Amino acid sequence: MRGMMWRRTPNGGGEPSYPPSEREIAGGETSNPTIRNETGGGKEIQVTVDPDLLDCSICFEPLCSPVNQCEHGHVACQSCWSKLQQKCHICRAPVVSRSIALEKILESVHVPCTYAHLGCCKSVSYSQRQVHTDACEFGLSLCPIPECAHKASSGEWWEHFLKDHLDPSSYYSYGQSISILLNEEDLYYTLFGPGDDLFLLVKESIPNVGIALSLYYIDLPHRDQNVFPYELKVVTWKYCIGSSVQLNSQAVSIKGWKRGEVCGTYLLVPLGFTEQNIEVHVCL
């Protein structure tokens, strides 16, 4: 078993100091379950947690509330209890109650993100570690461009798009509006930002309705907070009269986009509003 040291900081808060753990998780770093402590007095408090206590004894996946136990105190996850018809796999006693104490421990225990070594600073609930890992922007993921099988981690996408998905694309600076042209055959448009920041403007057709334009960020490796308001505007001129459609929103991770589907917030350009080629004004 391995524990952790909760070290008080000058402002009265605390920060975890992790000793080496014997349990390894994906990504090469160690998993150190820690119980957050809020006791005052500036004391250092060491809490030791056996990670095996936090996993289902049958499938070895992290336990999560509600946690049920048999009449002798043996626990397992809900899925495994169901498969065993609510009979304990150890003593064959029936499952009779919830383990409230263990549920409170699960709520208190936090671990570093699996991709902490790549830059993720989040501390996540032990039971929700895999959920965070699957969605973490610092993790290895598949390129969003259709038919591209390349996989990369945060900080590596700028170079990949520069090499393999340069056309169509533009460079941009924050706070400045740029005008880009989406041709009829274009399904996406890459925006190369300062540093390694990378955005993708996606065009999806809605049959008999029009075109949906969405802006996602692919990589923001040097940003602590990935909050980026943007404006999309499409202007058309007919009979010397200007008309426009506009969207003000916030860019979200490309992991929220399902290729070939219209997802989340988008700017709808109605059918017949413009010519086949669309001029889009973008401001981040």
C-alpha atoms as a PDB file:
ATOM      1  CA  MET A   1       0.000   0.000   0.000  1.00  0.00           C
ATOM      2  CA  ARG A   2       1.069   3.548  -0.663  1.00  0.00           C
ATOM      3  CA  GLY A   3      -0.175   6.760   0.868  1.00  0.00           C
ATOM      4  CA  MET A   4       0.154  10.479   0.311  1.00  0.00           C
ATOM      5  CA  MET A   5       1.239  13.531   2.280  1.00  0.00           C
ATOM      6  CA  TRP A   6      -1.087  16.537   2.433  1.00  0.00           C
ATOM      7  CA  ARG A   7       1.168  19.575   2.794  1.00  0.00           C
ATOM      8  CA  ARG A   8      -0.231  22.886   4.047  1.00  0.00           C
ATOM      9  CA  THR A   9       0.616  26.005   2.042  1.00  0.00           C
ATOM     10  CA  PRO A  10       1.213  29.519   3.486  1.00  0.00           C
ATOM     11  CA  ASN A  11      -2.257  30.743   2.529  1.00  0.00           C
ATOM     12  CA  GLY A  12      -3.914  28.038   4.582  1.00  0.00           C
ATOM     13  CA  GLY A  13      -4.717  25.770   1.672  1.00  0.00           C
ATOM     14  CA  GLY A  14      -3.063  22.536   0.835  1.00  0.00           C
ATOM     15  CA  GLU A  15      -1.364  20.656  -1.927  1.00  0.00           C
ATOM     16  CA  PRO A  16      -0.733  16.938  -2.302  1.00  0.00           C
ATOM     17  CA  SER A  17       2.772  15.534  -2.177  1.00  0.00           C
ATOM     18  CA  TYR A  18       2.731  12.099  -3.758  1.00  0.00           C
ATOM     19  CA  PRO A  19       5.166   9.322  -2.839  1.00  0.00           C
ATOM     20  CA  PRO A  20       5.870   6.614  -5.429  1.00  0.00           C
ATOM     21  CA  SER A  21       3.073   4.092  -5.928  1.00  0.00           C
ATOM     22  CA  GLU A  22       3.363   0.430  -6.756  1.00  0.00           C
ATOM     23  CA  ARG A  23       0.305   0.572  -8.990  1.00  0.00           C
ATOM     24  CA  GLU A  24       0.926   1.733 -12.551  1.00  0.00           C
ATOM     25  CA  ILE A  25      -1.747   3.049 -14.896  1.00  0.00           C
ATOM     26  CA  ALA A  26      -1.805   3.783 -18.633  1.00  0.00           C
ATOM     27  CA  GLY A  27       0.457   6.563 -19.789  1.00  0.00           C
ATOM     28  CA  GLY A  28       3.484   5.657 -17.692  1.00  0.00           C
ATOM     29  CA  GLU A  29       2.713   7.611 -14.516  1.00  0.00           C
ATOM     30  CA  THR A  30       1.608   6.208 -11.179  1.00  0.00           C
ATOM     31  CA  SER A  31      -1.836   6.282  -9.594  1.00  0.00           C
ATOM     32  CA  ASN A  32      -1.937   7.559  -6.021  1.00  0.00           C
ATOM     33  CA  PRO A  33      -5.432   7.535  -4.514  1.00  0.00           C
ATOM     34  CA  THR A  34      -5.588  10.427  -2.065  1.00  0.00           C
ATOM     35  CA  ILE A  35      -8.160  11.513   0.481  1.00  0.00           C
ATOM     36  CA  ARG A  36      -8.517  15.275   0.554  1.00  0.00           C
ATOM     37  CA  ASN A  37      -8.077  16.704   4.039  1.00  0.00           C
ATOM     38  CA  GLU A  38      -9.576  19.976   5.260  1.00  0.00           C
ATOM     39  CA  THR A  39      -8.332  19.903   8.880  1.00  0.00           C
ATOM     40  CA  GLY A  40      -6.877  23.232  10.083  1.00  0.00           C
ATOM     41  CA  GLY A  41      -3.837  23.896  12.223  1.00  0.00           C
ATOM     42  CA  GLY A  42      -1.179  23.662   9.542  1.00  0.00           C
ATOM     43  CA  LYS A  43      -0.473  19.989  10.272  1.00  0.00           C
ATOM     44  CA  GLU A  44       0.808  17.454   7.787  1.00  0.00           C
ATOM     45  CA  ILE A  45      -1.544  14.494   7.654  1.00  0.00           C
ATOM     46  CA  GLN A  46      -0.674  11.249   5.912  1.00  0.00           C
ATOM     47  CA  VAL A  47      -3.540   9.068   4.696  1.00  0.00           C
ATOM     48  CA  THR A  48      -2.887   5.602   3.303  1.00  0.00           C
ATOM     49  CA  VAL A  49      -5.360   4.016   0.900  1.00  0.00           C
ATOM     50  CA  ASP A  50      -5.098   0.556  -0.607  1.00  0.00           C
ATOM     51  CA  PRO A  51      -6.214   0.970  -4.255  1.00  0.00           C
ATOM     52  CA  ASP A  52      -7.557  -2.602  -4.297  1.00  0.00           C
ATOM     53  CA  LEU A  53     -10.278  -1.506  -1.849  1.00  0.00           C
ATOM     54  CA  LEU A  54     -11.587   0.928  -4.443  1.00  0.00           C
ATOM     55  CA  ASP A  55     -12.008  -1.636  -7.223  1.00  0.00           C
ATOM     56  CA  CYS A  56     -14.680  -4.264  -7.770  1.00  0.00           C
ATOM     57  CA  SER A  57     -13.391  -7.609  -6.492  1.00  0.00           C
ATOM     58  CA  ILE A  58     -14.842  -9.393  -9.538  1.00  0.00           C
ATOM     59  CA  CYS A  59     -14.222  -7.238 -12.641  1.00  0.00           C
ATOM     60  CA  PHE A  60     -11.514  -5.029 -11.027  1.00  0.00           C
ATOM     61  CA  GLU A  61     -13.075  -1.851 -12.432  1.00  0.00           C
ATOM     62  CA  PRO A  62     -13.291   1.206 -10.112  1.00  0.00           C
ATOM     63  CA  LEU A  63     -16.301   1.120  -7.810  1.00  0.00           C
ATOM     64  CA  CYS A  64     -18.834   3.938  -7.978  1.00  0.00           C
ATOM     65  CA  SER A  65     -21.949   4.799  -5.994  1.00  0.00           C
ATOM     66  CA  PRO A  66     -24.209   3.103  -5.156  1.00  0.00           C
ATOM     67  CA  VAL A  67     -22.018   0.340  -3.686  1.00  0.00           C
ATOM     68  CA  ASN A  68     -23.948  -2.662  -2.366  1.00  0.00           C
ATOM     69  CA  GLN A  69     -22.675  -5.352  -0.010  1.00  0.00           C
ATOM     70  CA  CYS A  70     -23.716  -8.774   1.174  1.00  0.00           C
ATOM     71  CA  GLU A  71     -24.672  -9.444   4.779  1.00  0.00           C
ATOM     72  CA  HIS A  72     -21.014 -10.230   5.560  1.00  0.00           C
ATOM     73  CA  GLY A  73     -19.697  -6.967   4.128  1.00  0.00           C
ATOM     74  CA  HIS A  74     -18.288  -8.157   0.792  1.00  0.00           C
ATOM     75  CA  VAL A  75     -18.724  -5.586  -1.983  1.00  0.00           C
ATOM     76  CA  ALA A  76     -18.800  -5.567  -5.778  1.00  0.00           C
ATOM     77  CA  CYS A  77     -20.110  -3.281  -8.495  1.00  0.00           C
ATOM     78  CA  GLN A  78     -23.767  -3.174  -9.508  1.00  0.00           C
ATOM     79  CA  SER A  79     -23.114  -4.864 -12.835  1.00  0.00           C
ATOM     80  CA  CYS A  80     -21.387  -7.855 -11.262  1.00  0.00           C
ATOM     81  CA  TRP A  81     -24.033  -8.249  -8.537  1.00  0.00           C
ATOM     82  CA  SER A  82     -26.679  -8.382 -11.267  1.00  0.00           C
ATOM     83  CA  LYS A  83     -24.803 -11.088 -13.157  1.00  0.00           C
ATOM     84  CA  LEU A  84     -24.553 -13.123  -9.935  1.00  0.00           C
ATOM     85  CA  GLN A  85     -28.279 -12.651  -9.225  1.00  0.00           C
ATOM     86  CA  GLN A  86     -27.549 -10.673  -6.045  1.00  0.00           C
ATOM     87  CA  LYS A  87     -25.591 -13.544  -4.452  1.00  0.00           C
ATOM     88  CA  CYS A  88     -22.101 -12.975  -3.036  1.00  0.00           C
ATOM     89  CA  HIS A  89     -19.319 -14.621  -5.020  1.00  0.00           C
ATOM     90  CA  ILE A  90     -17.303 -15.184  -1.829  1.00  0.00           C
ATOM     91  CA  CYS A  91     -19.788 -16.449   0.775  1.00  0.00           C
ATOM     92  CA  ARG A  92     -22.955 -16.887  -1.327  1.00  0.00           C
ATOM     93  CA  ALA A  93     -24.877 -14.686   1.122  1.00  0.00           C
ATOM     94  CA  PRO A  94     -27.507 -12.358  -0.344  1.00  0.00           C
ATOM     95  CA  VAL A  95     -26.782  -8.721  -1.142  1.00  0.00           C
ATOM     96  CA  VAL A  96     -28.660  -6.805   1.530  1.00  0.00           C
ATOM     97  CA  SER A  97     -27.513  -3.163   1.894  1.00  0.00           C
ATOM     98  CA  ARG A  98     -25.401  -0.270   0.693  1.00  0.00           C
ATOM     99  CA  SER A  99     -21.874   0.369   1.954  1.00  0.00           C
ATOM    100  CA  ILE A 100     -22.316   4.031   2.879  1.00  0.00           C
ATOM    101  CA  ALA A 101     -18.850   4.338   4.442  1.00  0.00           C
ATOM    102  CA  LEU A 102     -17.146   3.059   1.291  1.00  0.00           C
ATOM    103  CA  GLU A 103     -19.258   5.375  -0.868  1.00  0.00           C
ATOM    104  CA  LYS A 104     -18.057   8.360   1.179  1.00  0.00           C
ATOM    105  CA  ILE A 105     -14.451   7.225   0.722  1.00  0.00           C
ATOM    106  CA  LEU A 106     -14.987   6.946  -3.039  1.00  0.00           C
ATOM    107  CA  GLU A 107     -16.326  10.507  -3.091  1.00  0.00           C
ATOM    108  CA  SER A 108     -13.238  11.760  -1.246  1.00  0.00           C
ATOM    109  CA  VAL A 109     -10.510   9.909  -3.129  1.00  0.00           C
ATOM    110  CA  HIS A 110      -8.894  11.751  -6.050  1.00  0.00           C
ATOM    111  CA  VAL A 111      -6.063  10.776  -8.377  1.00  0.00           C
ATOM    112  CA  PRO A 112      -3.973  12.649 -10.936  1.00  0.00           C
ATOM    113  CA  CYS A 113      -5.136  12.417 -14.532  1.00  0.00           C
ATOM    114  CA  THR A 114      -3.681   9.528 -16.526  1.00  0.00           C
ATOM    115  CA  TYR A 115      -2.130  12.141 -18.828  1.00  0.00           C
ATOM    116  CA  ALA A 116      -0.585  14.300 -16.115  1.00  0.00           C
ATOM    117  CA  HIS A 117       2.835  13.676 -17.685  1.00  0.00           C
ATOM    118  CA  LEU A 118       1.536  15.327 -20.886  1.00  0.00           C
ATOM    119  CA  GLY A 119       0.297  18.449 -19.117  1.00  0.00           C
ATOM    120  CA  CYS A 120      -3.168  17.746 -17.686  1.00  0.00           C
ATOM    121  CA  CYS A 121      -3.339  19.283 -14.210  1.00  0.00           C
ATOM    122  CA  LYS A 122      -6.743  17.939 -13.223  1.00  0.00           C
ATOM    123  CA  SER A 123      -7.292  15.792 -10.166  1.00  0.00           C
ATOM    124  CA  VAL A 124     -10.259  13.495 -10.746  1.00  0.00           C
ATOM    125  CA  SER A 125     -12.456  11.222  -8.699  1.00  0.00           C
ATOM    126  CA  TYR A 126     -11.060   7.698  -8.604  1.00  0.00           C
ATOM    127  CA  SER A 127     -14.339   6.183  -9.761  1.00  0.00           C
ATOM    128  CA  GLN A 128     -14.561   8.660 -12.675  1.00  0.00           C
ATOM    129  CA  ARG A 129     -10.932   8.337 -13.748  1.00  0.00           C
ATOM    130  CA  GLN A 130     -11.689   6.355 -16.910  1.00  0.00           C
ATOM    131  CA  VAL A 131     -14.490   8.742 -17.927  1.00  0.00           C
ATOM    132  CA  HIS A 132     -12.066  11.671 -17.685  1.00  0.00           C
ATOM    133  CA  THR A 133      -9.296   9.732 -19.436  1.00  0.00           C
ATOM    134  CA  ASP A 134     -11.513   8.996 -22.436  1.00  0.00           C
ATOM    135  CA  ALA A 135     -12.398  12.692 -22.838  1.00  0.00           C
ATOM    136  CA  CYS A 136      -9.103  14.284 -21.766  1.00  0.00           C
ATOM    137  CA  GLU A 137      -7.721  16.651 -24.383  1.00  0.00           C
ATOM    138  CA  PHE A 138      -4.162  15.631 -23.529  1.00  0.00           C
ATOM    139  CA  GLY A 139      -4.753  11.997 -24.411  1.00  0.00           C
ATOM    140  CA  LEU A 140      -4.069  10.122 -27.608  1.00  0.00           C
ATOM    141  CA  SER A 141      -6.912  10.568 -30.083  1.00  0.00           C
ATOM    142  CA  LEU A 142      -7.800   9.928 -33.715  1.00  0.00           C
ATOM    143  CA  CYS A 143      -7.451  12.704 -36.272  1.00  0.00           C
ATOM    144  CA  PRO A 144     -10.874  14.259 -36.917  1.00  0.00           C
ATOM    145  CA  ILE A 145     -10.322  14.536 -40.661  1.00  0.00           C
ATOM    146  CA  PRO A 146     -12.328  11.837 -42.495  1.00  0.00           C
ATOM    147  CA  GLU A 147     -10.292   8.839 -43.698  1.00  0.00           C
ATOM    148  CA  CYS A 148      -7.197   9.934 -41.740  1.00  0.00           C
ATOM    149  CA  ALA A 149      -6.036   7.232 -39.317  1.00  0.00           C
ATOM    150  CA  HIS A 150      -3.314   9.308 -37.614  1.00  0.00           C
ATOM    151  CA  LYS A 151      -3.306   9.387 -33.803  1.00  0.00           C
ATOM    152  CA  ALA A 152      -1.553  11.982 -31.657  1.00  0.00           C
ATOM    153  CA  SER A 153      -1.502  13.643 -28.249  1.00  0.00           C
ATOM    154  CA  SER A 154      -1.804  17.282 -27.235  1.00  0.00           C
ATOM    155  CA  GLY A 155       0.977  19.406 -28.693  1.00  0.00           C
ATOM    156  CA  GLU A 156       1.441  17.163 -31.744  1.00  0.00           C
ATOM    157  CA  TRP A 157      -1.547  18.104 -33.887  1.00  0.00           C
ATOM    158  CA  TRP A 158      -0.219  21.396 -35.287  1.00  0.00           C
ATOM    159  CA  GLU A 159       2.655  19.633 -37.025  1.00  0.00           C
ATOM    160  CA  HIS A 160       0.393  16.862 -38.345  1.00  0.00           C
ATOM    161  CA  PHE A 161      -2.098  19.306 -39.897  1.00  0.00           C
ATOM    162  CA  LEU A 162       0.722  21.408 -41.299  1.00  0.00           C
ATOM    163  CA  LYS A 163       2.098  18.325 -43.042  1.00  0.00           C
ATOM    164  CA  ASP A 164      -1.044  16.426 -44.090  1.00  0.00           C
ATOM    165  CA  HIS A 165      -4.030  18.820 -43.966  1.00  0.00           C
ATOM    166  CA  LEU A 166      -2.653  22.164 -45.059  1.00  0.00           C
ATOM    167  CA  ASP A 167      -5.249  22.756 -47.779  1.00  0.00           C
ATOM    168  CA  PRO A 168      -7.529  24.546 -47.167  1.00  0.00           C
ATOM    169  CA  SER A 169      -6.156  26.538 -44.241  1.00  0.00           C
ATOM    170  CA  SER A 170      -5.191  29.992 -42.948  1.00  0.00           C
ATOM    171  CA  TYR A 171      -3.111  31.510 -40.177  1.00  0.00           C
ATOM    172  CA  TYR A 172      -4.848  33.828 -37.732  1.00  0.00           C
ATOM    173  CA  SER A 173      -4.302  36.056 -34.698  1.00  0.00           C
ATOM    174  CA  TYR A 174      -6.698  36.361 -31.787  1.00  0.00           C
ATOM    175  CA  GLY A 175      -9.017  39.355 -31.849  1.00  0.00           C
ATOM    176  CA  GLN A 176      -8.713  39.866 -35.606  1.00  0.00           C
ATOM    177  CA  SER A 177     -11.441  38.965 -38.094  1.00  0.00           C
ATOM    178  CA  ILE A 178     -10.381  36.988 -41.149  1.00  0.00           C
ATOM    179  CA  SER A 179     -12.351  36.089 -44.253  1.00  0.00           C
ATOM    180  CA  ILE A 180     -12.102  32.552 -45.605  1.00  0.00           C
ATOM    181  CA  LEU A 181     -13.668  30.930 -48.641  1.00  0.00           C
ATOM    182  CA  LEU A 182     -15.288  27.522 -48.343  1.00  0.00           C
ATOM    183  CA  ASN A 183     -15.610  25.955 -51.753  1.00  0.00           C
ATOM    184  CA  GLU A 184     -18.470  23.581 -52.488  1.00  0.00           C
ATOM    185  CA  GLU A 185     -16.238  20.507 -52.099  1.00  0.00           C
ATOM    186  CA  ASP A 186     -14.610  21.668 -48.833  1.00  0.00           C
ATOM    187  CA  LEU A 187     -15.779  19.767 -45.739  1.00  0.00           C
ATOM    188  CA  TYR A 188     -13.514  21.582 -43.309  1.00  0.00           C
ATOM    189  CA  TYR A 189     -11.107  24.500 -43.014  1.00  0.00           C
ATOM    190  CA  THR A 190      -8.054  24.533 -40.718  1.00  0.00           C
ATOM    191  CA  LEU A 191      -7.063  27.612 -38.712  1.00  0.00           C
ATOM    192  CA  PHE A 192      -3.444  27.718 -37.474  1.00  0.00           C
ATOM    193  CA  GLY A 193      -3.129  29.986 -34.482  1.00  0.00           C
ATOM    194  CA  PRO A 194      -0.311  31.389 -32.355  1.00  0.00           C
ATOM    195  CA  GLY A 195       1.943  28.761 -30.850  1.00  0.00           C
ATOM    196  CA  ASP A 196       0.405  25.332 -31.405  1.00  0.00           C
ATOM    197  CA  ASP A 197      -3.240  26.452 -31.135  1.00  0.00           C
ATOM    198  CA  LEU A 198      -5.353  24.777 -33.782  1.00  0.00           C
ATOM    199  CA  PHE A 199      -9.014  25.165 -34.776  1.00  0.00           C
ATOM    200  CA  LEU A 200     -11.203  23.452 -37.348  1.00  0.00           C
ATOM    201  CA  LEU A 201     -14.191  25.010 -39.125  1.00  0.00           C
ATOM    202  CA  VAL A 202     -16.506  22.160 -40.103  1.00  0.00           C
ATOM    203  CA  LYS A 203     -19.142  22.290 -42.834  1.00  0.00           C
ATOM    204  CA  GLU A 204     -22.028  19.819 -42.708  1.00  0.00           C
ATOM    205  CA  SER A 205     -24.968  19.673 -45.108  1.00  0.00           C
ATOM    206  CA  ILE A 206     -28.523  19.402 -43.795  1.00  0.00           C
ATOM    207  CA  PRO A 207     -30.674  18.042 -46.646  1.00  0.00           C
ATOM    208  CA  ASN A 208     -33.378  20.465 -47.841  1.00  0.00           C
ATOM    209  CA  VAL A 209     -32.375  22.942 -45.128  1.00  0.00           C
ATOM    210  CA  GLY A 210     -28.897  24.364 -45.736  1.00  0.00           C
ATOM    211  CA  ILE A 211     -25.324  24.287 -44.452  1.00  0.00           C
ATOM    212  CA  ALA A 212     -24.267  24.032 -40.792  1.00  0.00           C
ATOM    213  CA  LEU A 213     -20.941  25.672 -39.839  1.00  0.00           C
ATOM    214  CA  SER A 214     -19.276  24.759 -36.531  1.00  0.00           C
ATOM    215  CA  LEU A 215     -15.951  25.803 -35.010  1.00  0.00           C
ATOM    216  CA  TYR A 216     -13.969  23.402 -32.811  1.00  0.00           C
ATOM    217  CA  TYR A 217     -10.540  23.537 -31.249  1.00  0.00           C
ATOM    218  CA  ILE A 218      -8.262  20.586 -31.959  1.00  0.00           C
ATOM    219  CA  ASP A 219      -5.368  21.538 -29.731  1.00  0.00           C
ATOM    220  CA  LEU A 220      -4.631  24.245 -27.166  1.00  0.00           C
ATOM    221  CA  PRO A 221      -1.617  22.699 -25.415  1.00  0.00           C
ATOM    222  CA  HIS A 222      -0.396  25.828 -23.633  1.00  0.00           C
ATOM    223  CA  ARG A 223      -3.729  27.138 -22.335  1.00  0.00           C
ATOM    224  CA  ASP A 224      -4.928  26.630 -18.761  1.00  0.00           C
ATOM    225  CA  GLN A 225      -8.514  27.502 -19.631  1.00  0.00           C
ATOM    226  CA  ASN A 226      -9.878  26.451 -22.987  1.00  0.00           C
ATOM    227  CA  VAL A 227     -12.589  29.135 -23.251  1.00  0.00           C
ATOM    228  CA  PHE A 228     -12.557  30.808 -26.642  1.00  0.00           C
ATOM    229  CA  PRO A 229     -15.518  32.959 -27.729  1.00  0.00           C
ATOM    230  CA  TYR A 230     -15.844  33.271 -31.487  1.00  0.00           C
ATOM    231  CA  GLU A 231     -18.013  34.896 -34.124  1.00  0.00           C
ATOM    232  CA  LEU A 232     -19.007  33.414 -37.458  1.00  0.00           C
ATOM    233  CA  LYS A 233     -20.720  35.593 -40.056  1.00  0.00           C
ATOM    234  CA  VAL A 234     -21.839  34.905 -43.620  1.00  0.00           C
ATOM    235  CA  VAL A 235     -22.869  37.893 -45.735  1.00  0.00           C
ATOM    236  CA  THR A 236     -24.644  37.857 -49.085  1.00  0.00           C
ATOM    237  CA  TRP A 237     -25.616  40.617 -51.505  1.00  0.00           C
ATOM    238  CA  LYS A 238     -28.685  40.395 -53.681  1.00  0.00           C
ATOM    239  CA  TYR A 239     -30.179  43.319 -55.607  1.00  0.00           C
ATOM    240  CA  CYS A 240     -27.677  45.617 -53.853  1.00  0.00           C
ATOM    241  CA  ILE A 241     -29.129  44.659 -50.471  1.00  0.00           C
ATOM    242  CA  GLY A 242     -26.864  43.021 -47.912  1.00  0.00           C
ATOM    243  CA  SER A 243     -28.098  40.183 -45.699  1.00  0.00           C
ATOM    244  CA  SER A 244     -26.193  38.204 -43.119  1.00  0.00           C
ATOM    245  CA  VAL A 245     -26.459  35.314 -40.693  1.00  0.00           C
ATOM    246  CA  GLN A 246     -24.260  35.339 -37.602  1.00  0.00           C
ATOM    247  CA  LEU A 247     -23.336  33.133 -34.659  1.00  0.00           C
ATOM    248  CA  ASN A 248     -21.606  34.067 -31.404  1.00  0.00           C
ATOM    249  CA  SER A 249     -20.589  31.093 -29.330  1.00  0.00           C
ATOM    250  CA  GLN A 250     -17.634  29.352 -27.664  1.00  0.00           C
ATOM    251  CA  ALA A 251     -15.366  26.845 -29.358  1.00  0.00           C
ATOM    252  CA  VAL A 252     -15.516  23.345 -27.881  1.00  0.00           C
ATOM    253  CA  SER A 253     -13.209  20.370 -28.204  1.00  0.00           C
ATOM    254  CA  ILE A 254     -13.176  18.506 -31.513  1.00  0.00           C
ATOM    255  CA  LYS A 255     -13.803  15.366 -29.443  1.00  0.00           C
ATOM    256  CA  GLY A 256     -17.407  16.511 -29.267  1.00  0.00           C
ATOM    257  CA  TRP A 257     -17.780  16.246 -33.057  1.00  0.00           C
ATOM    258  CA  LYS A 258     -19.053  13.078 -34.693  1.00  0.00           C
ATOM    259  CA  ARG A 259     -17.854  13.013 -38.260  1.00  0.00           C
ATOM    260  CA  GLY A 260     -20.699  13.323 -40.745  1.00  0.00           C
ATOM    261  CA  GLU A 261     -23.172  14.612 -38.151  1.00  0.00           C
ATOM    262  CA  VAL A 262     -24.336  18.074 -37.123  1.00  0.00           C
ATOM    263  CA  CYS A 263     -23.407  18.447 -33.452  1.00  0.00           C
ATOM    264  CA  GLY A 264     -23.695  21.138 -30.787  1.00  0.00           C
ATOM    265  CA  THR A 265     -23.880  24.835 -31.657  1.00  0.00           C
ATOM    266  CA  TYR A 266     -23.677  25.790 -35.328  1.00  0.00           C
ATOM    267  CA  LEU A 267     -24.389  28.609 -37.753  1.00  0.00           C
ATOM    268  CA  LEU A 268     -27.129  27.665 -40.191  1.00  0.00           C
ATOM    269  CA  VAL A 269     -26.727  29.079 -43.695  1.00  0.00           C
ATOM    270  CA  PRO A 270     -30.153  28.531 -45.300  1.00  0.00           C
ATOM    271  CA  LEU A 271     -30.442  26.806 -48.645  1.00  0.00           C
ATOM    272  CA  GLY A 272     -30.073  29.370 -51.460  1.00  0.00           C
ATOM    273  CA  PHE A 273     -28.791  32.086 -49.118  1.00  0.00           C
ATOM    274  CA  THR A 274     -25.414  32.225 -50.902  1.00  0.00           C
ATOM    275  CA  GLU A 275     -23.730  30.835 -53.960  1.00  0.00           C
ATOM    276  CA  GLN A 276     -22.208  27.353 -53.820  1.00  0.00           C
ATOM    277  CA  ASN A 277     -18.978  28.825 -52.437  1.00  0.00           C
ATOM    278  CA  ILE A 278     -19.394  30.427 -48.998  1.00  0.00           C
ATOM    279  CA  GLU A 279     -17.377  33.367 -47.701  1.00  0.00           C
ATOM    280  CA  VAL A 280     -17.162  33.135 -43.904  1.00  0.00           C
ATOM    281  CA  HIS A 281     -15.904  35.861 -41.584  1.00  0.00           C
ATOM    282  CA  VAL A 282     -14.268  34.351 -38.490  1.00  0.00           C
ATOM    283  CA  CYS A 283     -13.151  36.171 -35.352  1.00  0.00           C
ATOM    284  CA  LEU A 284     -11.663  34.384 -32.331  1.00  0.00           C
END
